[in-house]
Amino acid sequence: LVRMKFLQILSRKPGSLEILFQIPFSQKQFPYTCLSTSACVYSKKKKGNSYEQVDQEKYKNLVHSVTSYKTSAQTPETILEEDSLLYGPPAKHRPPIKAGTKTPKNWVPLINPSKRILPVSSDSNVPMKIGLQRTKMPSVTRILQETLSPQQVFYLERWKQKMIEELGKEGFEEYTKNLFLQGELFHSALESIFLSEEKAAKEQGKDDVVAGYLSSVEHVLEDISEVKALESGVHHETLQYLGLVDCVAKYRGRLCVIDWKTSEKPKPFLQNTYDNPLQVAAYIGAINHDANYDFQVHCGLVVVAYKNGSPAHPHFMDPDLCSRYWSKWLLRLEEYMDKN
């Protein structure tokens, strides 16, 4: 503060600063110490530097090694050597086996290599309809129901409890009963259409519910031809299971097992149909190993029809996709056999 006042006084008198900052060889000059702004003039005794106590010779090599490299001298090899020295060799663990990689113990091919295909007969335009054999063999539906995953059981039970809360127990029973009835009427109407029973189809079509489903699948029916089987029983002679096939016909020129499904919610992807692809694969394998059918099927089709009449979603299953679901079906079949 004293220095600042001193400078202010000098700055008011002209020529004072020139005298103050004149060159050292001038006759009149101020001692430089009187203008010093350094704190050393007023500071206390200077503290000693702690670095001066360090043994410079001892750490000379260390300092040189740190300051002499601009970049790291480490390489991937030296890093691995260092890690191995510090932590030991890396442990080699096998990756966990995915559930999808599991293979069936009792492998049976989807396509029957020993099946004899008979020549096309004159009455081949009449769809087959074989009655379902009532034997001790389990059905495809029963096998799938009793081998649901814990996750499937959880979501199914949660949906059931939610519906019971909304409708009550009796209301829920009535709701499920109506769903099954709608499905039966829809299948009967389709059967009448394929059998060219237009009168019967029109009578059934008067029902608003069936009319909505039929309107939903109208664009799919245009791509279906050469119906070979309708509501026909099948059984796998080797694996000993049976089922009732909705339809076997050509879809866009390729012979398929067709499964008609009804839904109140949209199912635009095959994965939305849950176990329906497994059911189709099981029916394909059964037909190909059933002596009652003189043909083999390589493809499948899951058609989801909607009550409100919105366009149905047809999900086509090519031979590769059918083979994948066939493997999954064999695993579910083995699981059922182990339980029973």
Foldseek 3Di string as FASTA:
>chain_A
DVLVVVVVVQVVDPPSVCQAPDDPPDPDYDDVVVNDPDCPVVDDDDDDDPVVPDPCVVCVVVVCVVPVDPDDPDDPVVVQVVCCVVPNDDDDDDDDDDPLPDFFPDDDDLADPPAAFDDDDPPQLDADAADADDDPFAALVVLCVVLDDPVVVVVVVVVLVVVCVVQNPVRSVVVVVVQVVLVVLLLVLVVCVSVVVVVVNVVSCVPLQSVLQCLQCVVQVVQWDSWHHAQHKFAAPPLRYIYTFHTWTDGNRATAREDEAEDADDDQDPVSVPCVLLNRLVVQSRLSRGNVHSDHHQKYWYWYTYRNNHHIHIDIGGNVNSRSSPRVNSVSSVVSVVVD
